[in-house]
Amino acid sequence: MKAVFKPGNNIAMKIPSHEYEKTLSFYRDVIAIPELAREKNTDTPRFQFGDKTLWLDNVPGISQAEIWLEIVTDDIAAAAEHLASHKIARCDEIEPLPEGFAAFWVASPSNIIHLVSQSD
């Protein structure tokens, strides 16, 4: 079976600690994008960003902000095989995923991180 890919609902902005509070204030106070309720087991702020959810992650030790995107697929095994056949780098070590979550991390050729997850 061939995997089908589509954009996911989540965008994660990984923000250095030294820029985090000003960035959070920008989205919350300056442009006043609607903030969503915090999810269980996380203190990461989330904002309604059109039809997407923007997560603002405080990441100590990085020097500049990064954008991480989500891609969903109907077949996670076929997706992994397809991406590997195109020599797309898998990078599961960058952030642990919850136990039992059908997903993995890849980097695009321009080093944008993508979470590839099984669609519901």
PDB file of N, CA and C in Angstrom:
ATOM      1  N   MET A   1       0.835  -1.184   0.000  1.00  0.00           N
ATOM      2  CA  MET A   1       0.000   0.000   0.000  1.00  0.00           C
ATOM      3  C   MET A   1       0.877   1.245   0.000  1.00  0.00           C
ATOM      4  N   LYS A   2       0.504   2.227  -0.768  1.00  0.00           N
ATOM      5  CA  LYS A   2       1.242   3.476  -0.828  1.00  0.00           C
ATOM      6  C   LYS A   2       0.701   4.442   0.236  1.00  0.00           C
ATOM      7  N   ALA A   3       1.607   5.088   0.948  1.00  0.00           N
ATOM      8  CA  ALA A   3       1.206   6.048   1.980  1.00  0.00           C
ATOM      9  C   ALA A   3       0.676   7.322   1.337  1.00  0.00           C
ATOM     10  N   VAL A   4      -0.330   7.884   1.950  1.00  0.00           N
ATOM     11  CA  VAL A   4      -0.870   9.180   1.548  1.00  0.00           C
ATOM     12  C   VAL A   4      -0.481  10.176   2.636  1.00  0.00           C
ATOM     13  N   PHE A   5       0.058  11.325   2.234  1.00  0.00           N
ATOM     14  CA  PHE A   5       0.485  12.351   3.174  1.00  0.00           C
ATOM     15  C   PHE A   5      -0.417  13.564   3.064  1.00  0.00           C
ATOM     16  N   LYS A   6      -0.639  14.267   4.181  1.00  0.00           N
ATOM     17  CA  LYS A   6      -1.320  15.558   4.176  1.00  0.00           C
ATOM     18  C   LYS A   6      -0.816  16.379   5.355  1.00  0.00           C
ATOM     19  N   PRO A   7      -0.963  17.689   5.284  1.00  0.00           N
ATOM     20  CA  PRO A   7      -0.516  18.527   6.399  1.00  0.00           C
ATOM     21  C   PRO A   7      -1.267  18.171   7.673  1.00  0.00           C
ATOM     22  N   GLY A   8      -0.557  18.205   8.772  1.00  0.00           N
ATOM     23  CA  GLY A   8      -1.182  17.987  10.073  1.00  0.00           C
ATOM     24  C   GLY A   8      -1.716  19.289  10.637  1.00  0.00           C
ATOM     25  N   ASN A   9      -2.196  19.223  11.853  1.00  0.00           N
ATOM     26  CA  ASN A   9      -2.798  20.396  12.497  1.00  0.00           C
ATOM     27  C   ASN A   9      -1.820  21.196  13.342  1.00  0.00           C
ATOM     28  N   ASN A  10      -0.612  20.700  13.547  1.00  0.00           N
ATOM     29  CA  ASN A  10       0.291  21.307  14.516  1.00  0.00           C
ATOM     30  C   ASN A  10       1.536  21.910  13.892  1.00  0.00           C
ATOM     31  N   ILE A  11       1.893  23.075  14.432  1.00  0.00           N
ATOM     32  CA  ILE A  11       3.143  23.759  14.121  1.00  0.00           C
ATOM     33  C   ILE A  11       3.817  24.005  15.465  1.00  0.00           C
ATOM     34  N   ALA A  12       5.052  23.589  15.619  1.00  0.00           N
ATOM     35  CA  ALA A  12       5.783  23.838  16.853  1.00  0.00           C
ATOM     36  C   ALA A  12       6.878  24.856  16.582  1.00  0.00           C
ATOM     37  N   MET A  13       6.926  25.886  17.388  1.00  0.00           N
ATOM     38  CA  MET A  13       8.006  26.851  17.319  1.00  0.00           C
ATOM     39  C   MET A  13       8.918  26.559  18.505  1.00  0.00           C
ATOM     40  N   LYS A  14      10.139  26.129  18.222  1.00  0.00           N
ATOM     41  CA  LYS A  14      11.140  25.844  19.243  1.00  0.00           C
ATOM     42  C   LYS A  14      11.927  27.133  19.453  1.00  0.00           C
ATOM     43  N   ILE A  15      11.849  27.685  20.667  1.00  0.00           N
ATOM     44  CA  ILE A  15      12.354  29.037  20.931  1.00  0.00           C
ATOM     45  C   ILE A  15      13.453  28.988  21.985  1.00  0.00           C
ATOM     46  N   PRO A  16      14.584  29.654  21.739  1.00  0.00           N
ATOM     47  CA  PRO A  16      15.637  29.710  22.753  1.00  0.00           C
ATOM     48  C   PRO A  16      15.121  30.407  24.017  1.00  0.00           C
ATOM     49  N   SER A  17      15.608  29.971  25.157  1.00  0.00           N
ATOM     50  CA  SER A  17      15.161  30.535  26.433  1.00  0.00           C
ATOM     51  C   SER A  17      15.331  32.044  26.505  1.00  0.00           C
ATOM     52  N   HIS A  18      16.415  32.565  25.930  1.00  0.00           N
ATOM     53  CA  HIS A  18      16.668  34.005  26.018  1.00  0.00           C
ATOM     54  C   HIS A  18      15.681  34.830  25.174  1.00  0.00           C
ATOM     55  N   GLU A  19      14.912  34.195  24.286  1.00  0.00           N
ATOM     56  CA  GLU A  19      13.918  34.898  23.468  1.00  0.00           C
ATOM     57  C   GLU A  19      12.483  34.485  23.789  1.00  0.00           C
ATOM     58  N   TYR A  20      12.327  33.544  24.726  1.00  0.00           N
ATOM     59  CA  TYR A  20      11.034  32.913  24.923  1.00  0.00           C
ATOM     60  C   TYR A  20       9.951  33.880  25.427  1.00  0.00           C
ATOM     61  N   GLU A  21      10.194  34.605  26.486  1.00  0.00           N
ATOM     62  CA  GLU A  21       9.154  35.466  27.074  1.00  0.00           C
ATOM     63  C   GLU A  21       8.703  36.559  26.103  1.00  0.00           C
ATOM     64  N   LYS A  22       9.646  37.153  25.383  1.00  0.00           N
ATOM     65  CA  LYS A  22       9.274  38.182  24.402  1.00  0.00           C
ATOM     66  C   LYS A  22       8.468  37.578  23.250  1.00  0.00           C
ATOM     67  N   THR A  23       8.821  36.371  22.839  1.00  0.00           N
ATOM     68  CA  THR A  23       8.079  35.706  21.764  1.00  0.00           C
ATOM     69  C   THR A  23       6.676  35.340  22.226  1.00  0.00           C
ATOM     70  N   LEU A  24       6.568  34.796  23.418  1.00  0.00           N
ATOM     71  CA  LEU A  24       5.264  34.471  23.982  1.00  0.00           C
ATOM     72  C   LEU A  24       4.403  35.727  24.081  1.00  0.00           C
ATOM     73  N   SER A  25       4.963  36.812  24.553  1.00  0.00           N
ATOM     74  CA  SER A  25       4.235  38.086  24.656  1.00  0.00           C
ATOM     75  C   SER A  25       3.806  38.596  23.284  1.00  0.00           C
ATOM     76  N   PHE A  26       4.641  38.405  22.274  1.00  0.00           N
ATOM     77  CA  PHE A  26       4.284  38.830  20.923  1.00  0.00           C
ATOM     78  C   PHE A  26       2.977  38.173  20.481  1.00  0.00           C
ATOM     79  N   TYR A  27       2.889  36.852  20.612  1.00  0.00           N
ATOM     80  CA  TYR A  27       1.679  36.146  20.169  1.00  0.00           C
ATOM     81  C   TYR A  27       0.496  36.387  21.100  1.00  0.00           C
ATOM     82  N   ARG A  28       0.740  36.426  22.409  1.00  0.00           N
ATOM     83  CA  ARG A  28      -0.337  36.559  23.383  1.00  0.00           C
ATOM     84  C   ARG A  28      -0.831  37.999  23.499  1.00  0.00           C
ATOM     85  N   ASP A  29       0.083  38.981  23.562  1.00  0.00           N
ATOM     86  CA  ASP A  29      -0.277  40.357  23.911  1.00  0.00           C
ATOM     87  C   ASP A  29      -0.250  41.324  22.730  1.00  0.00           C
ATOM     88  N   VAL A  30       0.766  41.229  21.893  1.00  0.00           N
ATOM     89  CA  VAL A  30       0.936  42.202  20.823  1.00  0.00           C
ATOM     90  C   VAL A  30      -0.045  41.941  19.685  1.00  0.00           C
ATOM     91  N   ILE A  31      -0.038  40.715  19.146  1.00  0.00           N
ATOM     92  CA  ILE A  31      -0.983  40.438  18.062  1.00  0.00           C
ATOM     93  C   ILE A  31      -2.226  39.694  18.547  1.00  0.00           C
ATOM     94  N   ALA A  32      -2.228  39.278  19.799  1.00  0.00           N
ATOM     95  CA  ALA A  32      -3.406  38.732  20.493  1.00  0.00           C
ATOM     96  C   ALA A  32      -4.109  37.603  19.743  1.00  0.00           C
ATOM     97  N   ILE A  33      -3.326  36.616  19.320  1.00  0.00           N
ATOM     98  CA  ILE A  33      -3.906  35.410  18.730  1.00  0.00           C
ATOM     99  C   ILE A  33      -4.573  34.624  19.861  1.00  0.00           C
ATOM    100  N   PRO A  34      -5.751  34.042  19.629  1.00  0.00           N
ATOM    101  CA  PRO A  34      -6.446  33.320  20.698  1.00  0.00           C
ATOM    102  C   PRO A  34      -5.598  32.180  21.271  1.00  0.00           C
ATOM    103  N   GLU A  35      -5.450  32.206  22.597  1.00  0.00           N
ATOM    104  CA  GLU A  35      -4.699  31.143  23.270  1.00  0.00           C
ATOM    105  C   GLU A  35      -5.654  30.007  23.615  1.00  0.00           C
ATOM    106  N   LEU A  36      -5.186  28.790  23.419  1.00  0.00           N
ATOM    107  CA  LEU A  36      -5.975  27.600  23.710  1.00  0.00           C
ATOM    108  C   LEU A  36      -5.658  27.096  25.118  1.00  0.00           C
ATOM    109  N   ALA A  37      -6.562  26.345  25.687  1.00  0.00           N
ATOM    110  CA  ALA A  37      -6.330  25.747  26.998  1.00  0.00           C
ATOM    111  C   ALA A  37      -5.130  24.814  26.927  1.00  0.00           C
ATOM    112  N   ARG A  38      -4.397  24.745  28.020  1.00  0.00           N
ATOM    113  CA  ARG A  38      -3.232  23.854  28.079  1.00  0.00           C
ATOM    114  C   ARG A  38      -3.697  22.407  28.053  1.00  0.00           C
ATOM    115  N   GLU A  39      -2.944  21.583  27.357  1.00  0.00           N
ATOM    116  CA  GLU A  39      -3.242  20.155  27.333  1.00  0.00           C
ATOM    117  C   GLU A  39      -2.707  19.507  28.601  1.00  0.00           C
ATOM    118  N   LYS A  40      -3.287  18.364  28.959  1.00  0.00           N
ATOM    119  CA  LYS A  40      -2.820  17.622  30.127  1.00  0.00           C
ATOM    120  C   LYS A  40      -1.357  17.285  29.960  1.00  0.00           C
ATOM    121  N   ASN A  41      -0.634  17.293  31.061  1.00  0.00           N
ATOM    122  CA  ASN A  41       0.775  16.894  31.124  1.00  0.00           C
ATOM    123  C   ASN A  41       1.717  17.797  30.340  1.00  0.00           C
ATOM    124  N   THR A  42       1.298  19.027  30.045  1.00  0.00           N
ATOM    125  CA  THR A  42       2.216  19.963  29.387  1.00  0.00           C
ATOM    126  C   THR A  42       1.923  21.377  29.870  1.00  0.00           C
ATOM    127  N   ASP A  43       2.961  22.168  29.960  1.00  0.00           N
ATOM    128  CA  ASP A  43       2.780  23.584  30.283  1.00  0.00           C
ATOM    129  C   ASP A  43       3.101  24.461  29.075  1.00  0.00           C
ATOM    130  N   THR A  44       3.125  23.846  27.899  1.00  0.00           N
ATOM    131  CA  THR A  44       3.425  24.566  26.671  1.00  0.00           C
ATOM    132  C   THR A  44       2.208  25.358  26.200  1.00  0.00           C
ATOM    133  N   PRO A  45       2.356  26.673  26.018  1.00  0.00           N
ATOM    134  CA  PRO A  45       1.242  27.468  25.487  1.00  0.00           C
ATOM    135  C   PRO A  45       0.940  27.083  24.045  1.00  0.00           C
ATOM    136  N   ARG A  46      -0.355  27.129  23.714  1.00  0.00           N
ATOM    137  CA  ARG A  46      -0.818  26.821  22.352  1.00  0.00           C
ATOM    138  C   ARG A  46      -1.737  27.944  21.907  1.00  0.00           C
ATOM    139  N   PHE A  47      -1.670  28.262  20.614  1.00  0.00           N
ATOM    140  CA  PHE A  47      -2.481  29.331  20.050  1.00  0.00           C
ATOM    141  C   PHE A  47      -3.199  28.834  18.810  1.00  0.00           C
ATOM    142  N   GLN A  48      -4.417  29.353  18.592  1.00  0.00           N
ATOM    143  CA  GLN A  48      -5.159  29.037  17.374  1.00  0.00           C
ATOM    144  C   GLN A  48      -4.562  29.861  16.253  1.00  0.00           C
ATOM    145  N   PHE A  49      -3.966  29.212  15.274  1.00  0.00           N
ATOM    146  CA  PHE A  49      -3.256  29.869  14.182  1.00  0.00           C
ATOM    147  C   PHE A  49      -3.976  29.496  12.895  1.00  0.00           C
ATOM    148  N   GLY A  50      -5.087  30.184  12.621  1.00  0.00           N
ATOM    149  CA  GLY A  50      -5.939  29.798  11.502  1.00  0.00           C
ATOM    150  C   GLY A  50      -6.530  28.438  11.789  1.00  0.00           C
ATOM    151  N   ASP A  51      -6.383  27.509  10.858  1.00  0.00           N
ATOM    152  CA  ASP A  51      -6.892  26.159  11.094  1.00  0.00           C
ATOM    153  C   ASP A  51      -5.831  25.246  11.710  1.00  0.00           C
ATOM    154  N   LYS A  52      -4.724  25.812  12.157  1.00  0.00           N
ATOM    155  CA  LYS A  52      -3.632  25.060  12.779  1.00  0.00           C
ATOM    156  C   LYS A  52      -3.491  25.454  14.245  1.00  0.00           C
ATOM    157  N   THR A  53      -2.731  24.650  14.979  1.00  0.00           N
ATOM    158  CA  THR A  53      -2.389  24.964  16.364  1.00  0.00           C
ATOM    159  C   THR A  53      -0.902  25.265  16.421  1.00  0.00           C
ATOM    160  N   LEU A  54      -0.558  26.433  16.950  1.00  0.00           N
ATOM    161  CA  LEU A  54       0.832  26.855  17.109  1.00  0.00           C
ATOM    162  C   LEU A  54       1.257  26.598  18.552  1.00  0.00           C
ATOM    163  N   TRP A  55       2.253  25.757  18.731  1.00  0.00           N
ATOM    164  CA  TRP A  55       2.823  25.452  20.048  1.00  0.00           C
ATOM    165  C   TRP A  55       4.095  26.281  20.215  1.00  0.00           C
ATOM    166  N   LEU A  56       4.276  26.923  21.372  1.00  0.00           N
ATOM    167  CA  LEU A  56       5.491  27.687  21.652  1.00  0.00           C
ATOM    168  C   LEU A  56       6.298  26.953  22.720  1.00  0.00           C
ATOM    169  N   ASP A  57       7.357  26.273  22.296  1.00  0.00           N
ATOM    170  CA  ASP A  57       8.193  25.463  23.177  1.00  0.00           C
ATOM    171  C   ASP A  57       9.446  26.221  23.587  1.00  0.00           C
ATOM    172  N   ASN A  58       9.691  26.304  24.890  1.00  0.00           N
ATOM    173  CA  ASN A  58      10.908  26.888  25.432  1.00  0.00           C
ATOM    174  C   ASN A  58      11.986  25.811  25.404  1.00  0.00           C
ATOM    175  N   VAL A  59      13.055  26.035  24.630  1.00  0.00           N
ATOM    176  CA  VAL A  59      14.094  25.026  24.456  1.00  0.00           C
ATOM    177  C   VAL A  59      15.450  25.611  24.856  1.00  0.00           C
ATOM    178  N   PRO A  60      15.880  25.359  26.094  1.00  0.00           N
ATOM    179  CA  PRO A  60      17.206  25.833  26.504  1.00  0.00           C
ATOM    180  C   PRO A  60      18.297  25.219  25.645  1.00  0.00           C
ATOM    181  N   GLY A  61      19.332  25.994  25.395  1.00  0.00           N
ATOM    182  CA  GLY A  61      20.499  25.462  24.707  1.00  0.00           C
ATOM    183  C   GLY A  61      20.513  25.634  23.198  1.00  0.00           C
ATOM    184  N   ILE A  62      19.425  26.121  22.602  1.00  0.00           N
ATOM    185  CA  ILE A  62      19.480  26.389  21.166  1.00  0.00           C
ATOM    186  C   ILE A  62      19.758  27.876  20.970  1.00  0.00           C
ATOM    187  N   SER A  63      20.299  28.238  19.813  1.00  0.00           N
ATOM    188  CA  SER A  63      20.704  29.630  19.594  1.00  0.00           C
ATOM    189  C   SER A  63      19.695  30.443  18.804  1.00  0.00           C
ATOM    190  N   GLN A  64      18.824  29.763  18.046  1.00  0.00           N
ATOM    191  CA  GLN A  64      17.825  30.486  17.262  1.00  0.00           C
ATOM    192  C   GLN A  64      16.560  29.648  17.165  1.00  0.00           C
ATOM    193  N   ALA A  65      15.462  30.316  16.879  1.00  0.00           N
ATOM    194  CA  ALA A  65      14.176  29.623  16.794  1.00  0.00           C
ATOM    195  C   ALA A  65      14.132  28.690  15.590  1.00  0.00           C
ATOM    196  N   GLU A  66      13.341  27.642  15.722  1.00  0.00           N
ATOM    197  CA  GLU A  66      13.108  26.689  14.645  1.00  0.00           C
ATOM    198  C   GLU A  66      11.609  26.468  14.518  1.00  0.00           C
ATOM    199  N   ILE A  67      11.153  26.144  13.331  1.00  0.00           N
ATOM    200  CA  ILE A  67       9.769  25.756  13.097  1.00  0.00           C
ATOM    201  C   ILE A  67       9.751  24.266  12.794  1.00  0.00           C
ATOM    202  N   TRP A  68       8.871  23.538  13.476  1.00  0.00           N
ATOM    203  CA  TRP A  68       8.674  22.110  13.242  1.00  0.00           C
ATOM    204  C   TRP A  68       7.242  21.924  12.775  1.00  0.00           C
ATOM    205  N   LEU A  69       7.039  21.074  11.772  1.00  0.00           N
ATOM    206  CA  LEU A  69       5.724  20.874  11.178  1.00  0.00           C
ATOM    207  C   LEU A  69       5.252  19.434  11.353  1.00  0.00           C
ATOM    208  N   GLU A  70       3.943  19.249  11.269  1.00  0.00           N
ATOM    209  CA  GLU A  70       3.364  17.909  11.347  1.00  0.00           C
ATOM    210  C   GLU A  70       2.819  17.498   9.985  1.00  0.00           C
ATOM    211  N   ILE A  71       3.082  16.246   9.620  1.00  0.00           N
ATOM    212  CA  ILE A  71       2.503  15.612   8.439  1.00  0.00           C
ATOM    213  C   ILE A  71       1.775  14.372   8.943  1.00  0.00           C
ATOM    214  N   VAL A  72       0.565  14.146   8.462  1.00  0.00           N
ATOM    215  CA  VAL A  72      -0.149  12.930   8.845  1.00  0.00           C
ATOM    216  C   VAL A  72      -0.228  11.995   7.642  1.00  0.00           C
ATOM    217  N   THR A  73      -0.331  10.719   7.941  1.00  0.00           N
ATOM    218  CA  THR A  73      -0.390   9.695   6.910  1.00  0.00           C
ATOM    219  C   THR A  73      -1.395   8.622   7.299  1.00  0.00           C
ATOM    220  N   ASP A  74      -1.917   7.959   6.312  1.00  0.00           N
ATOM    221  CA  ASP A  74      -2.869   6.881   6.561  1.00  0.00           C
ATOM    222  C   ASP A  74      -2.178   5.555   6.858  1.00  0.00           C
ATOM    223  N   ASP A  75      -0.878   5.461   6.607  1.00  0.00           N
ATOM    224  CA  ASP A  75      -0.135   4.209   6.794  1.00  0.00           C
ATOM    225  C   ASP A  75       1.279   4.543   7.246  1.00  0.00           C
ATOM    226  N   ILE A  76       1.523   4.474   8.550  1.00  0.00           N
ATOM    227  CA  ILE A  76       2.802   4.911   9.109  1.00  0.00           C
ATOM    228  C   ILE A  76       3.968   4.039   8.624  1.00  0.00           C
ATOM    229  N   ALA A  77       3.757   2.736   8.464  1.00  0.00           N
ATOM    230  CA  ALA A  77       4.833   1.860   7.987  1.00  0.00           C
ATOM    231  C   ALA A  77       5.172   2.158   6.532  1.00  0.00           C
ATOM    232  N   ALA A  78       4.157   2.327   5.704  1.00  0.00           N
ATOM    233  CA  ALA A  78       4.401   2.660   4.297  1.00  0.00           C
ATOM    234  C   ALA A  78       5.051   4.038   4.181  1.00  0.00           C
ATOM    235  N   ALA A  79       4.674   4.960   5.057  1.00  0.00           N
ATOM    236  CA  ALA A  79       5.273   6.295   5.039  1.00  0.00           C
ATOM    237  C   ALA A  79       6.764   6.219   5.364  1.00  0.00           C
ATOM    238  N   ALA A  80       7.107   5.450   6.382  1.00  0.00           N
ATOM    239  CA  ALA A  80       8.521   5.293   6.748  1.00  0.00           C
ATOM    240  C   ALA A  80       9.317   4.687   5.595  1.00  0.00           C
ATOM    241  N   GLU A  81       8.756   3.679   4.964  1.00  0.00           N
ATOM    242  CA  GLU A  81       9.424   3.037   3.830  1.00  0.00           C
ATOM    243  C   GLU A  81       9.577   4.003   2.653  1.00  0.00           C
ATOM    244  N   HIS A  82       8.520   4.742   2.342  1.00  0.00           N
ATOM    245  CA  HIS A  82       8.550   5.697   1.237  1.00  0.00           C
ATOM    246  C   HIS A  82       9.614   6.774   1.471  1.00  0.00           C
ATOM    247  N   LEU A  83       9.619   7.353   2.660  1.00  0.00           N
ATOM    248  CA  LEU A  83      10.595   8.412   2.952  1.00  0.00           C
ATOM    249  C   LEU A  83      12.020   7.870   2.922  1.00  0.00           C
ATOM    250  N   ALA A  84      12.229   6.679   3.468  1.00  0.00           N
ATOM    251  CA  ALA A  84      13.565   6.067   3.442  1.00  0.00           C
ATOM    252  C   ALA A  84      14.015   5.809   2.004  1.00  0.00           C
ATOM    253  N   SER A  85      13.091   5.418   1.138  1.00  0.00           N
ATOM    254  CA  SER A  85      13.459   5.155  -0.257  1.00  0.00           C
ATOM    255  C   SER A  85      13.888   6.427  -0.984  1.00  0.00           C
ATOM    256  N   HIS A  86      13.489   7.575  -0.442  1.00  0.00           N
ATOM    257  CA  HIS A  86      13.891   8.865  -1.010  1.00  0.00           C
ATOM    258  C   HIS A  86      15.037   9.510  -0.218  1.00  0.00           C
ATOM    259  N   LYS A  87      15.654   8.694   0.644  1.00  0.00           N
ATOM    260  CA  LYS A  87      16.809   9.121   1.437  1.00  0.00           C
ATOM    261  C   LYS A  87      16.510  10.328   2.336  1.00  0.00           C
ATOM    262  N   ILE A  88      15.297  10.367   2.881  1.00  0.00           N
ATOM    263  CA  ILE A  88      14.924  11.407   3.844  1.00  0.00           C
ATOM    264  C   ILE A  88      15.407  10.964   5.215  1.00  0.00           C
ATOM    265  N   ALA A  89      16.180  11.817   5.871  1.00  0.00           N
ATOM    266  CA  ALA A  89      16.806  11.480   7.146  1.00  0.00           C
ATOM    267  C   ALA A  89      15.774  11.365   8.264  1.00  0.00           C
ATOM    268  N   ARG A  90      15.765  10.224   8.925  1.00  0.00           N
ATOM    269  CA  ARG A  90      14.934  10.036  10.100  1.00  0.00           C
ATOM    270  C   ARG A  90      15.738  10.501  11.304  1.00  0.00           C
ATOM    271  N   CYS A  91      15.101  11.190  12.224  1.00  0.00           N
ATOM    272  CA  CYS A  91      15.833  11.761  13.367  1.00  0.00           C
ATOM    273  C   CYS A  91      15.025  11.614  14.656  1.00  0.00           C
ATOM    274  N   ASP A  92      14.703  10.382  15.006  1.00  0.00           N
ATOM    275  CA  ASP A  92      13.880  10.102  16.181  1.00  0.00           C
ATOM    276  C   ASP A  92      14.530  10.525  17.498  1.00  0.00           C
ATOM    277  N   GLU A  93      15.835  10.716  17.495  1.00  0.00           N
ATOM    278  CA  GLU A  93      16.537  11.059  18.730  1.00  0.00           C
ATOM    279  C   GLU A  93      16.310  12.511  19.175  1.00  0.00           C
ATOM    280  N   ILE A  94      15.734  13.356  18.332  1.00  0.00           N
ATOM    281  CA  ILE A  94      15.643  14.777  18.677  1.00  0.00           C
ATOM    282  C   ILE A  94      14.639  15.089  19.773  1.00  0.00           C
ATOM    283  N   GLU A  95      13.584  14.262  19.893  1.00  0.00           N
ATOM    284  CA  GLU A  95      12.591  14.483  20.945  1.00  0.00           C
ATOM    285  C   GLU A  95      11.813  13.190  21.158  1.00  0.00           C
ATOM    286  N   PRO A  96      11.766  12.707  22.395  1.00  0.00           N
ATOM    287  CA  PRO A  96      11.017  11.470  22.646  1.00  0.00           C
ATOM    288  C   PRO A  96       9.527  11.654  22.362  1.00  0.00           C
ATOM    289  N   LEU A  97       8.910  10.596  21.868  1.00  0.00           N
ATOM    290  CA  LEU A  97       7.472  10.588  21.616  1.00  0.00           C
ATOM    291  C   LEU A  97       6.796   9.708  22.661  1.00  0.00           C
ATOM    292  N   PRO A  98       5.534   9.976  22.951  1.00  0.00           N
ATOM    293  CA  PRO A  98       4.830   9.160  23.958  1.00  0.00           C
ATOM    294  C   PRO A  98       4.774   7.690  23.556  1.00  0.00           C
ATOM    295  N   GLU A  99       4.834   6.837  24.542  1.00  0.00           N
ATOM    296  CA  GLU A  99       4.726   5.393  24.328  1.00  0.00           C
ATOM    297  C   GLU A  99       3.449   5.061  23.566  1.00  0.00           C
ATOM    298  N   GLY A 100       3.578   4.269  22.517  1.00  0.00           N
ATOM    299  CA  GLY A 100       2.414   3.845  21.754  1.00  0.00           C
ATOM    300  C   GLY A 100       1.931   4.836  20.711  1.00  0.00           C
ATOM    301  N   PHE A 101       2.573   5.995  20.601  1.00  0.00           N
ATOM    302  CA  PHE A 101       2.183   7.008  19.620  1.00  0.00           C
ATOM    303  C   PHE A 101       2.782   6.611  18.276  1.00  0.00           C
ATOM    304  N   ALA A 102       1.954   6.377  17.279  1.00  0.00           N
ATOM    305  CA  ALA A 102       2.400   5.940  15.959  1.00  0.00           C
ATOM    306  C   ALA A 102       2.932   7.140  15.182  1.00  0.00           C
ATOM    307  N   ALA A 103       4.207   7.426  15.358  1.00  0.00           N
ATOM    308  CA  ALA A 103       4.809   8.601  14.727  1.00  0.00           C
ATOM    309  C   ALA A 103       6.330   8.473  14.757  1.00  0.00           C
ATOM    310  N   PHE A 104       6.973   9.308  13.948  1.00  0.00           N
ATOM    311  CA  PHE A 104       8.430   9.405  13.955  1.00  0.00           C
ATOM    312  C   PHE A 104       8.813  10.779  13.422  1.00  0.00           C
ATOM    313  N   TRP A 105      10.074  11.133  13.610  1.00  0.00           N
ATOM    314  CA  TRP A 105      10.604  12.425  13.178  1.00  0.00           C
ATOM    315  C   TRP A 105      11.453  12.258  11.929  1.00  0.00           C
ATOM    316  N   VAL A 106      11.348  13.221  11.009  1.00  0.00           N
ATOM    317  CA  VAL A 106      12.247  13.299   9.857  1.00  0.00           C
ATOM    318  C   VAL A 106      12.689  14.747   9.688  1.00  0.00           C
ATOM    319  N   ALA A 107      13.771  14.913   8.939  1.00  0.00           N
ATOM    320  CA  ALA A 107      14.240  16.246   8.564  1.00  0.00           C
ATOM    321  C   ALA A 107      14.138  16.369   7.050  1.00  0.00           C
ATOM    322  N   SER A 108      13.568  17.477   6.598  1.00  0.00           N
ATOM    323  CA  SER A 108      13.511  17.728   5.157  1.00  0.00           C
ATOM    324  C   SER A 108      14.926  18.027   4.660  1.00  0.00           C
ATOM    325  N   PRO A 109      15.141  18.075   3.346  1.00  0.00           N
ATOM    326  CA  PRO A 109      16.475  18.401   2.844  1.00  0.00           C
ATOM    327  C   PRO A 109      17.000  19.760   3.332  1.00  0.00           C
ATOM    328  N   SER A 110      16.107  20.663   3.712  1.00  0.00           N
ATOM    329  CA  SER A 110      16.556  21.956   4.242  1.00  0.00           C
ATOM    330  C   SER A 110      16.563  21.971   5.774  1.00  0.00           C
ATOM    331  N   ASN A 111      16.504  20.783   6.376  1.00  0.00           N
ATOM    332  CA  ASN A 111      16.587  20.598   7.825  1.00  0.00           C
ATOM    333  C   ASN A 111      15.408  21.158   8.610  1.00  0.00           C
ATOM    334  N   ILE A 112      14.241  21.204   8.015  1.00  0.00           N
ATOM    335  CA  ILE A 112      13.017  21.508   8.765  1.00  0.00           C
ATOM    336  C   ILE A 112      12.535  20.185   9.339  1.00  0.00           C
ATOM    337  N   ILE A 113      12.290  20.166  10.636  1.00  0.00           N
ATOM    338  CA  ILE A 113      11.853  18.945  11.308  1.00  0.00           C
ATOM    339  C   ILE A 113      10.356  18.746  11.072  1.00  0.00           C
ATOM    340  N   HIS A 114       9.985  17.497  10.790  1.00  0.00           N
ATOM    341  CA  HIS A 114       8.585  17.130  10.591  1.00  0.00           C
ATOM    342  C   HIS A 114       8.246  15.939  11.466  1.00  0.00           C
ATOM    343  N   LEU A 115       7.122  16.030  12.147  1.00  0.00           N
ATOM    344  CA  LEU A 115       6.562  14.887  12.834  1.00  0.00           C
ATOM    345  C   LEU A 115       5.656  14.183  11.838  1.00  0.00           C
ATOM    346  N   VAL A 116       5.932  12.935  11.547  1.00  0.00           N
ATOM    347  CA  VAL A 116       5.089  12.134  10.667  1.00  0.00           C
ATOM    348  C   VAL A 116       4.265  11.239  11.590  1.00  0.00           C
ATOM    349  N   SER A 117       2.939  11.424  11.578  1.00  0.00           N
ATOM    350  CA  SER A 117       2.086  10.675  12.505  1.00  0.00           C
ATOM    351  C   SER A 117       0.939   9.992  11.760  1.00  0.00           C
ATOM    352  N   GLN A 118       0.470   8.925  12.373  1.00  0.00           N
ATOM    353  CA  GLN A 118      -0.658   8.167  11.838  1.00  0.00           C
ATOM    354  C   GLN A 118      -1.929   8.988  12.007  1.00  0.00           C
ATOM    355  N   SER A 119      -2.694   9.137  10.922  1.00  0.00           N
ATOM    356  CA  SER A 119      -3.964   9.868  11.012  1.00  0.00           C
ATOM    357  C   SER A 119      -4.978   9.018  11.761  1.00  0.00           C
ATOM    358  N   ASP A 120      -5.954   9.681  12.342  1.00  0.00           N
ATOM    359  CA  ASP A 120      -7.000   8.978  13.100  1.00  0.00           C
ATOM    360  C   ASP A 120      -7.958   8.280  12.176  1.00  0.00           C
TER     361      ASP A 120
END
